[in-house]
Amino acid sequence: MKYCPKCGAKIKEDDAKFCTSCGESLSFQQQGSKDAQGATRKQNQTQGSKYGIMPRNIALCIIFSIITCGIYGIYWVIKLNDEVNQIAGEREATSGGMVFLFSFITCGIYFIYWNYKMGERCDKIKGAVGGSSNILYLVLCVVGFSIISECLMQDIINKSLQGY
């Protein structure tokens, strides 16, 4: 079985020159290692395939947020919101873009409320009915450590994608 070295897609034809999924040039000189790499990538892609979500490295999210002076942090919050809503099964909940807009308009007041609601949704994902993540996220946000609550949310997403 051959796999694309870039995206991990299964290659149906043995003599294919390009991947039909991503267009990557296929040179099979090192077939054994490339098959293993493709299989690993395919396995990593299927972890989040139930929801179409890929796990994120929390440390890199923090570093990117710092390097970009918070711009990546905005993107991260938008994606966190959408992914938690999707995993929790609340598809009609406020979208990430609207969360950013409401937070901007209310000078951050909505962001505090959002942290509280995300705690409830994260408890729902963990199966901890009546959990206290909402209070934890609320307190972290009020005292200025909302990035920690975002890290905790990302950890819950990553663990749910791995099946924990």
N, C-alpha and C. Protein backbone atom coordinates (compact mmCIF):
# COMPACT_ATOMS: atom_id res chain seq x y z
N MET A 1 0.85 -1.18 0.00
CA MET A 1 0.00 0.00 0.00
C MET A 1 0.89 1.24 0.00
N LYS A 2 0.64 2.18 -0.90
CA LYS A 2 1.42 3.40 -1.00
C LYS A 2 0.59 4.57 -0.49
N TYR A 3 1.28 5.51 0.13
CA TYR A 3 0.65 6.72 0.66
C TYR A 3 1.43 7.94 0.19
N CYS A 4 0.72 9.05 0.06
CA CYS A 4 1.36 10.31 -0.31
C CYS A 4 2.26 10.76 0.84
N PRO A 5 3.50 11.18 0.54
CA PRO A 5 4.40 11.62 1.62
C PRO A 5 3.99 12.96 2.23
N LYS A 6 3.14 13.72 1.55
CA LYS A 6 2.75 15.03 2.07
C LYS A 6 1.46 14.96 2.87
N CYS A 7 0.40 14.39 2.28
CA CYS A 7 -0.90 14.42 2.94
C CYS A 7 -1.33 13.08 3.52
N GLY A 8 -0.63 12.00 3.15
CA GLY A 8 -0.97 10.70 3.69
C GLY A 8 -2.10 9.99 2.97
N ALA A 9 -2.57 10.55 1.86
CA ALA A 9 -3.67 9.93 1.12
C ALA A 9 -3.20 8.62 0.48
N LYS A 10 -4.12 7.67 0.36
CA LYS A 10 -3.81 6.39 -0.25
C LYS A 10 -3.63 6.58 -1.75
N ILE A 11 -2.56 6.03 -2.30
CA ILE A 11 -2.28 6.10 -3.73
C ILE A 11 -2.76 4.80 -4.35
N LYS A 12 -3.73 4.89 -5.26
CA LYS A 12 -4.34 3.69 -5.83
C LYS A 12 -3.47 3.08 -6.93
N GLU A 13 -2.83 3.93 -7.72
CA GLU A 13 -2.04 3.44 -8.84
C GLU A 13 -0.58 3.35 -8.44
N ASP A 14 0.06 2.24 -8.79
CA ASP A 14 1.47 2.06 -8.44
C ASP A 14 2.39 2.99 -9.22
N ASP A 15 1.99 3.37 -10.42
CA ASP A 15 2.86 4.20 -11.25
C ASP A 15 2.42 5.67 -11.29
N ALA A 16 1.64 6.10 -10.31
CA ALA A 16 1.15 7.49 -10.27
C ALA A 16 2.31 8.45 -10.08
N LYS A 17 2.27 9.56 -10.77
CA LYS A 17 3.32 10.58 -10.68
C LYS A 17 2.98 11.68 -9.68
N PHE A 18 1.67 11.89 -9.45
CA PHE A 18 1.21 12.94 -8.54
C PHE A 18 0.08 12.39 -7.65
N CYS A 19 -0.02 12.96 -6.46
CA CYS A 19 -1.10 12.59 -5.55
C CYS A 19 -2.41 13.19 -6.07
N THR A 20 -3.45 12.40 -6.11
CA THR A 20 -4.75 12.90 -6.58
C THR A 20 -5.43 13.77 -5.53
N SER A 21 -4.97 13.69 -4.29
CA SER A 21 -5.57 14.48 -3.21
C SER A 21 -4.96 15.87 -3.10
N CYS A 22 -3.61 15.94 -3.05
CA CYS A 22 -2.97 17.24 -2.82
C CYS A 22 -2.09 17.70 -3.97
N GLY A 23 -1.82 16.83 -4.95
CA GLY A 23 -1.00 17.22 -6.09
C GLY A 23 0.49 17.08 -5.87
N GLU A 24 0.91 16.53 -4.77
CA GLU A 24 2.33 16.35 -4.46
C GLU A 24 2.97 15.41 -5.47
N SER A 25 4.18 15.76 -5.91
CA SER A 25 4.92 14.90 -6.81
C SER A 25 5.33 13.64 -6.07
N LEU A 26 5.12 12.51 -6.70
CA LEU A 26 5.42 11.23 -6.06
C LEU A 26 6.66 10.61 -6.68
N SER A 27 7.74 10.59 -5.92
CA SER A 27 8.93 9.88 -6.35
C SER A 27 9.18 8.81 -5.30
N PHE A 28 9.14 7.58 -5.72
CA PHE A 28 9.15 6.46 -4.78
C PHE A 28 10.53 5.81 -4.68
N GLN A 29 11.61 6.62 -4.65
CA GLN A 29 12.93 6.03 -4.50
C GLN A 29 13.10 5.43 -3.11
N GLN A 30 12.57 6.12 -2.10
CA GLN A 30 12.68 5.64 -0.73
C GLN A 30 11.30 5.17 -0.29
N GLN A 31 10.78 4.19 -0.99
CA GLN A 31 9.39 3.79 -0.79
C GLN A 31 9.09 3.37 0.64
N GLY A 32 9.97 2.60 1.24
CA GLY A 32 9.69 2.09 2.58
C GLY A 32 9.48 3.20 3.59
N SER A 33 10.37 4.19 3.62
CA SER A 33 10.25 5.27 4.60
C SER A 33 9.08 6.17 4.26
N LYS A 34 8.84 6.39 2.97
CA LYS A 34 7.73 7.26 2.61
C LYS A 34 6.39 6.60 2.92
N ASP A 35 6.28 5.29 2.74
CA ASP A 35 5.05 4.59 3.11
C ASP A 35 4.80 4.73 4.60
N ALA A 36 5.84 4.60 5.39
CA ALA A 36 5.69 4.71 6.84
C ALA A 36 5.30 6.13 7.23
N GLN A 37 5.93 7.13 6.59
CA GLN A 37 5.58 8.52 6.88
C GLN A 37 4.14 8.80 6.48
N GLY A 38 3.74 8.32 5.31
CA GLY A 38 2.38 8.54 4.84
C GLY A 38 1.36 7.87 5.75
N ALA A 39 1.69 6.67 6.21
CA ALA A 39 0.78 5.97 7.12
C ALA A 39 0.64 6.72 8.44
N THR A 40 1.77 7.27 8.93
CA THR A 40 1.72 8.05 10.17
C THR A 40 0.89 9.30 9.98
N ARG A 41 1.07 9.99 8.86
CA ARG A 41 0.27 11.19 8.60
C ARG A 41 -1.20 10.84 8.47
N LYS A 42 -1.48 9.74 7.79
CA LYS A 42 -2.87 9.31 7.63
C LYS A 42 -3.49 9.00 8.98
N GLN A 43 -2.71 8.34 9.86
CA GLN A 43 -3.22 8.03 11.19
C GLN A 43 -3.49 9.31 11.96
N ASN A 44 -2.59 10.30 11.87
CA ASN A 44 -2.79 11.58 12.54
C ASN A 44 -4.00 12.31 12.00
N GLN A 45 -4.24 12.19 10.70
CA GLN A 45 -5.39 12.87 10.12
C GLN A 45 -6.70 12.21 10.54
N THR A 46 -6.69 10.89 10.72
CA THR A 46 -7.93 10.22 11.06
C THR A 46 -8.29 10.40 12.53
N GLN A 47 -7.35 10.84 13.36
CA GLN A 47 -7.68 11.07 14.76
C GLN A 47 -8.80 12.10 14.89
N GLY A 48 -8.72 13.16 14.13
CA GLY A 48 -9.74 14.20 14.21
C GLY A 48 -10.78 14.09 13.12
N SER A 49 -10.76 12.99 12.36
CA SER A 49 -11.66 12.91 11.21
C SER A 49 -13.12 12.81 11.62
N LYS A 50 -13.40 12.36 12.83
CA LYS A 50 -14.79 12.28 13.27
C LYS A 50 -15.43 13.66 13.24
N TYR A 51 -14.66 14.67 13.59
CA TYR A 51 -15.16 16.04 13.61
C TYR A 51 -14.51 16.91 12.54
N GLY A 52 -13.50 16.41 11.87
CA GLY A 52 -12.76 17.22 10.92
C GLY A 52 -11.85 18.23 11.60
N ILE A 53 -11.40 17.90 12.80
CA ILE A 53 -10.58 18.80 13.61
C ILE A 53 -9.24 18.12 13.86
N MET A 54 -8.17 18.88 13.75
CA MET A 54 -6.84 18.37 14.07
C MET A 54 -6.39 18.94 15.41
N PRO A 55 -5.70 18.13 16.21
CA PRO A 55 -5.18 18.64 17.49
C PRO A 55 -4.15 19.75 17.27
N ARG A 56 -4.06 20.66 18.22
CA ARG A 56 -3.07 21.75 18.15
C ARG A 56 -2.07 21.59 19.28
N ASN A 57 -0.84 22.01 19.02
CA ASN A 57 0.18 22.04 20.05
C ASN A 57 -0.04 23.30 20.88
N ILE A 58 -0.30 23.13 22.16
CA ILE A 58 -0.64 24.25 23.03
C ILE A 58 0.52 25.22 23.18
N ALA A 59 1.73 24.70 23.32
CA ALA A 59 2.90 25.57 23.47
C ALA A 59 3.08 26.46 22.23
N LEU A 60 2.88 25.88 21.05
CA LEU A 60 3.01 26.68 19.83
C LEU A 60 1.93 27.74 19.74
N CYS A 61 0.73 27.43 20.20
CA CYS A 61 -0.34 28.43 20.19
C CYS A 61 0.03 29.62 21.07
N ILE A 62 0.61 29.35 22.22
CA ILE A 62 1.04 30.43 23.11
C ILE A 62 2.15 31.25 22.46
N ILE A 63 3.14 30.56 21.90
CA ILE A 63 4.27 31.26 21.27
C ILE A 63 3.79 32.10 20.10
N PHE A 64 2.92 31.54 19.24
CA PHE A 64 2.40 32.30 18.10
C PHE A 64 1.59 33.51 18.56
N SER A 65 0.84 33.35 19.64
CA SER A 65 0.06 34.47 20.17
C SER A 65 0.98 35.59 20.64
N ILE A 66 2.08 35.24 21.27
CA ILE A 66 3.03 36.25 21.75
C ILE A 66 3.75 36.91 20.58
N ILE A 67 4.23 36.10 19.64
CA ILE A 67 4.99 36.63 18.50
C ILE A 67 4.14 37.59 17.67
N THR A 68 2.87 37.25 17.48
CA THR A 68 1.99 38.08 16.63
C THR A 68 1.25 39.16 17.42
N CYS A 69 1.67 39.39 18.64
CA CYS A 69 1.05 40.42 19.50
C CYS A 69 -0.46 40.19 19.66
N GLY A 70 -0.86 38.94 19.77
CA GLY A 70 -2.24 38.61 20.05
C GLY A 70 -3.11 38.30 18.84
N ILE A 71 -2.61 38.52 17.65
CA ILE A 71 -3.44 38.27 16.46
C ILE A 71 -3.73 36.78 16.32
N TYR A 72 -2.73 35.93 16.53
CA TYR A 72 -2.98 34.49 16.49
C TYR A 72 -3.92 34.10 17.63
N GLY A 73 -3.83 34.79 18.74
CA GLY A 73 -4.72 34.51 19.87
C GLY A 73 -6.18 34.71 19.50
N ILE A 74 -6.45 35.72 18.69
CA ILE A 74 -7.83 35.95 18.22
C ILE A 74 -8.28 34.78 17.36
N TYR A 75 -7.43 34.37 16.43
CA TYR A 75 -7.74 33.22 15.57
C TYR A 75 -7.96 31.98 16.42
N TRP A 76 -7.11 31.80 17.42
CA TRP A 76 -7.20 30.62 18.29
C TRP A 76 -8.53 30.59 19.03
N VAL A 77 -8.96 31.74 19.56
CA VAL A 77 -10.24 31.81 20.27
C VAL A 77 -11.39 31.47 19.34
N ILE A 78 -11.34 31.99 18.12
CA ILE A 78 -12.39 31.71 17.14
C ILE A 78 -12.46 30.21 16.85
N LYS A 79 -11.31 29.58 16.62
CA LYS A 79 -11.27 28.15 16.34
C LYS A 79 -11.66 27.33 17.57
N LEU A 80 -11.20 27.73 18.76
CA LEU A 80 -11.59 27.03 19.98
C LEU A 80 -13.10 27.00 20.12
N ASN A 81 -13.71 28.15 19.93
CA ASN A 81 -15.16 28.26 20.06
C ASN A 81 -15.87 27.31 19.10
N ASP A 82 -15.49 27.37 17.84
CA ASP A 82 -16.15 26.55 16.83
C ASP A 82 -15.93 25.06 17.08
N GLU A 83 -14.70 24.68 17.49
CA GLU A 83 -14.41 23.28 17.71
C GLU A 83 -15.10 22.73 18.96
N VAL A 84 -15.11 23.51 20.03
CA VAL A 84 -15.80 23.07 21.25
C VAL A 84 -17.30 22.95 20.98
N ASN A 85 -17.87 23.91 20.27
CA ASN A 85 -19.29 23.83 19.92
C ASN A 85 -19.58 22.57 19.11
N GLN A 86 -18.70 22.25 18.16
CA GLN A 86 -18.90 21.09 17.31
C GLN A 86 -18.79 19.79 18.12
N ILE A 87 -17.78 19.67 18.96
CA ILE A 87 -17.59 18.45 19.73
C ILE A 87 -18.70 18.29 20.78
N ALA A 88 -19.12 19.41 21.37
CA ALA A 88 -20.19 19.37 22.38
C ALA A 88 -21.57 19.16 21.76
N GLY A 89 -21.66 19.26 20.43
CA GLY A 89 -22.93 19.05 19.76
C GLY A 89 -23.83 20.27 19.79
N GLU A 90 -23.27 21.43 19.99
CA GLU A 90 -24.05 22.67 20.03
C GLU A 90 -23.78 23.49 18.77
N ARG A 91 -24.29 23.02 17.68
CA ARG A 91 -24.02 23.64 16.38
C ARG A 91 -24.71 24.99 16.21
N GLU A 92 -25.78 25.25 16.96
CA GLU A 92 -26.49 26.52 16.85
C GLU A 92 -25.93 27.58 17.80
N ALA A 93 -24.92 27.24 18.56
CA ALA A 93 -24.33 28.20 19.51
C ALA A 93 -23.61 29.31 18.73
N THR A 94 -23.25 30.36 19.43
CA THR A 94 -22.59 31.51 18.81
C THR A 94 -21.30 31.08 18.12
N SER A 95 -21.10 31.56 16.89
CA SER A 95 -19.89 31.21 16.14
C SER A 95 -18.69 31.98 16.68
N GLY A 96 -17.51 31.50 16.33
CA GLY A 96 -16.29 32.13 16.80
C GLY A 96 -16.15 33.57 16.32
N GLY A 97 -16.53 33.83 15.09
CA GLY A 97 -16.47 35.19 14.57
C GLY A 97 -17.37 36.15 15.34
N MET A 98 -18.55 35.66 15.69
CA MET A 98 -19.48 36.49 16.46
C MET A 98 -18.95 36.72 17.88
N VAL A 99 -18.29 35.70 18.45
CA VAL A 99 -17.69 35.86 19.78
C VAL A 99 -16.67 37.00 19.74
N PHE A 100 -15.83 37.01 18.71
CA PHE A 100 -14.84 38.08 18.59
C PHE A 100 -15.53 39.43 18.42
N LEU A 101 -16.54 39.49 17.56
CA LEU A 101 -17.25 40.75 17.32
C LEU A 101 -17.94 41.26 18.59
N PHE A 102 -18.65 40.39 19.29
CA PHE A 102 -19.33 40.79 20.52
C PHE A 102 -18.34 41.23 21.60
N SER A 103 -17.23 40.51 21.68
CA SER A 103 -16.20 40.87 22.67
C SER A 103 -15.59 42.23 22.35
N PHE A 104 -15.38 42.49 21.07
CA PHE A 104 -14.82 43.78 20.64
C PHE A 104 -15.80 44.91 20.94
N ILE A 105 -17.07 44.70 20.60
CA ILE A 105 -18.09 45.74 20.79
C ILE A 105 -18.29 46.05 22.27
N THR A 106 -18.27 45.02 23.12
CA THR A 106 -18.53 45.22 24.55
C THR A 106 -17.25 45.45 25.36
N CYS A 107 -16.15 45.70 24.68
CA CYS A 107 -14.85 45.96 25.34
C CYS A 107 -14.45 44.82 26.28
N GLY A 108 -14.71 43.59 25.87
CA GLY A 108 -14.26 42.42 26.61
C GLY A 108 -15.25 41.81 27.57
N ILE A 109 -16.38 42.47 27.79
CA ILE A 109 -17.35 41.93 28.75
C ILE A 109 -17.94 40.61 28.24
N TYR A 110 -18.23 40.55 26.96
CA TYR A 110 -18.76 39.30 26.39
C TYR A 110 -17.73 38.19 26.48
N PHE A 111 -16.46 38.52 26.38
CA PHE A 111 -15.39 37.52 26.47
C PHE A 111 -15.40 36.84 27.84
N ILE A 112 -15.70 37.59 28.87
CA ILE A 112 -15.79 37.01 30.22
C ILE A 112 -16.96 36.02 30.27
N TYR A 113 -18.11 36.42 29.73
CA TYR A 113 -19.27 35.53 29.66
C TYR A 113 -18.96 34.30 28.80
N TRP A 114 -18.25 34.51 27.70
CA TRP A 114 -17.88 33.42 26.80
C TRP A 114 -17.03 32.38 27.54
N ASN A 115 -16.08 32.83 28.35
CA ASN A 115 -15.26 31.89 29.12
C ASN A 115 -16.13 31.04 30.03
N TYR A 116 -17.11 31.65 30.67
CA TYR A 116 -18.02 30.91 31.54
C TYR A 116 -18.78 29.84 30.75
N LYS A 117 -19.34 30.22 29.61
CA LYS A 117 -20.09 29.28 28.79
C LYS A 117 -19.21 28.17 28.22
N MET A 118 -17.97 28.51 27.87
CA MET A 118 -17.05 27.50 27.36
C MET A 118 -16.72 26.48 28.44
N GLY A 119 -16.67 26.91 29.69
CA GLY A 119 -16.44 25.98 30.78
C GLY A 119 -17.56 24.96 30.87
N GLU A 120 -18.80 25.42 30.69
CA GLU A 120 -19.94 24.50 30.70
C GLU A 120 -19.85 23.50 29.55
N ARG A 121 -19.48 24.00 28.37
CA ARG A 121 -19.38 23.11 27.20
C ARG A 121 -18.22 22.12 27.36
N CYS A 122 -17.13 22.59 27.94
CA CYS A 122 -15.99 21.68 28.16
C CYS A 122 -16.34 20.60 29.17
N ASP A 123 -17.10 20.95 30.20
CA ASP A 123 -17.58 19.94 31.15
C ASP A 123 -18.48 18.94 30.45
N LYS A 124 -19.29 19.41 29.51
CA LYS A 124 -20.17 18.52 28.75
C LYS A 124 -19.34 17.54 27.92
N ILE A 125 -18.26 18.04 27.32
CA ILE A 125 -17.38 17.18 26.52
C ILE A 125 -16.72 16.13 27.40
N LYS A 126 -16.27 16.55 28.58
CA LYS A 126 -15.60 15.62 29.51
C LYS A 126 -16.58 14.65 30.16
N GLY A 127 -17.85 14.96 30.08
CA GLY A 127 -18.85 14.12 30.74
C GLY A 127 -18.98 14.43 32.22
N ALA A 128 -18.50 15.59 32.62
CA ALA A 128 -18.55 16.01 34.02
C ALA A 128 -19.75 16.93 34.22
N VAL A 129 -20.92 16.35 34.27
CA VAL A 129 -22.14 17.14 34.46
C VAL A 129 -22.06 17.80 35.83
N GLY A 130 -22.29 19.08 35.86
CA GLY A 130 -22.20 19.82 37.12
C GLY A 130 -20.76 20.12 37.51
N GLY A 131 -19.84 20.06 36.54
CA GLY A 131 -18.44 20.36 36.82
C GLY A 131 -18.23 21.84 37.11
N SER A 132 -17.03 22.19 37.45
CA SER A 132 -16.74 23.57 37.83
C SER A 132 -15.78 24.27 36.90
N SER A 133 -15.60 23.76 35.68
CA SER A 133 -14.71 24.41 34.73
C SER A 133 -15.19 25.81 34.40
N ASN A 134 -16.51 26.02 34.39
CA ASN A 134 -17.03 27.35 34.08
C ASN A 134 -16.57 28.39 35.09
N ILE A 135 -16.56 28.04 36.36
CA ILE A 135 -16.10 28.97 37.40
C ILE A 135 -14.59 29.20 37.26
N LEU A 136 -13.85 28.13 37.01
CA LEU A 136 -12.40 28.25 36.84
C LEU A 136 -12.06 29.18 35.68
N TYR A 137 -12.70 28.97 34.52
CA TYR A 137 -12.44 29.81 33.35
C TYR A 137 -12.85 31.25 33.60
N LEU A 138 -13.95 31.45 34.29
CA LEU A 138 -14.41 32.79 34.62
C LEU A 138 -13.40 33.51 35.50
N VAL A 139 -12.93 32.85 36.55
CA VAL A 139 -11.96 33.47 37.46
C VAL A 139 -10.65 33.76 36.73
N LEU A 140 -10.18 32.81 35.93
CA LEU A 140 -8.94 33.03 35.18
C LEU A 140 -9.06 34.23 34.25
N CYS A 141 -10.21 34.38 33.61
CA CYS A 141 -10.42 35.50 32.69
C CYS A 141 -10.47 36.82 33.45
N VAL A 142 -11.16 36.85 34.57
CA VAL A 142 -11.32 38.09 35.34
C VAL A 142 -9.97 38.57 35.88
N VAL A 143 -9.11 37.64 36.30
CA VAL A 143 -7.81 38.05 36.85
C VAL A 143 -6.74 38.22 35.78
N GLY A 144 -7.11 38.06 34.51
CA GLY A 144 -6.18 38.36 33.42
C GLY A 144 -5.39 37.18 32.90
N PHE A 145 -5.80 35.97 33.23
CA PHE A 145 -5.10 34.78 32.75
C PHE A 145 -5.98 33.96 31.82
N SER A 146 -6.66 34.63 30.92
CA SER A 146 -7.57 33.90 30.03
C SER A 146 -6.81 32.96 29.10
N ILE A 147 -5.53 33.24 28.86
CA ILE A 147 -4.76 32.34 27.99
C ILE A 147 -4.63 30.96 28.63
N ILE A 148 -4.65 30.90 29.95
CA ILE A 148 -4.60 29.60 30.63
C ILE A 148 -5.91 28.85 30.39
N SER A 149 -7.03 29.56 30.46
CA SER A 149 -8.30 28.88 30.18
C SER A 149 -8.36 28.41 28.73
N GLU A 150 -7.77 29.17 27.82
CA GLU A 150 -7.72 28.75 26.42
C GLU A 150 -6.86 27.50 26.27
N CYS A 151 -5.76 27.43 27.01
CA CYS A 151 -4.92 26.23 26.99
C CYS A 151 -5.68 25.02 27.53
N LEU A 152 -6.45 25.22 28.58
CA LEU A 152 -7.24 24.13 29.14
C LEU A 152 -8.31 23.67 28.15
N MET A 153 -8.93 24.62 27.45
CA MET A 153 -9.92 24.27 26.43
C MET A 153 -9.28 23.45 25.31
N GLN A 154 -8.10 23.90 24.87
CA GLN A 154 -7.40 23.18 23.80
C GLN A 154 -7.02 21.78 24.26
N ASP A 155 -6.63 21.64 25.51
CA ASP A 155 -6.28 20.33 26.05
C ASP A 155 -7.50 19.40 26.02
N ILE A 156 -8.65 19.92 26.35
CA ILE A 156 -9.87 19.12 26.32
C ILE A 156 -10.19 18.70 24.88
N ILE A 157 -10.02 19.61 23.94
CA ILE A 157 -10.24 19.28 22.52
C ILE A 157 -9.28 18.18 22.10
N ASN A 158 -7.99 18.37 22.39
CA ASN A 158 -6.98 17.38 22.00
C ASN A 158 -7.29 16.01 22.60
N LYS A 159 -7.65 15.98 23.86
CA LYS A 159 -7.96 14.70 24.53
C LYS A 159 -9.22 14.06 23.95
N SER A 160 -10.22 14.86 23.61
CA SER A 160 -11.45 14.28 23.05
C SER A 160 -11.19 13.70 21.66
N LEU A 161 -10.26 14.30 20.92
CA LEU A 161 -9.92 13.77 19.60
C LEU A 161 -9.16 12.47 19.70
N GLN A 162 -8.42 12.29 20.80
CA GLN A 162 -7.67 11.06 21.01
C GLN A 162 -8.52 9.97 21.65
N GLY A 163 -9.70 10.32 22.08
CA GLY A 163 -10.62 9.35 22.65
C GLY A 163 -10.52 9.16 24.14
N TYR A 164 -9.92 10.11 24.84
CA TYR A 164 -9.81 10.00 26.30
C TYR A 164 -11.05 10.48 26.98
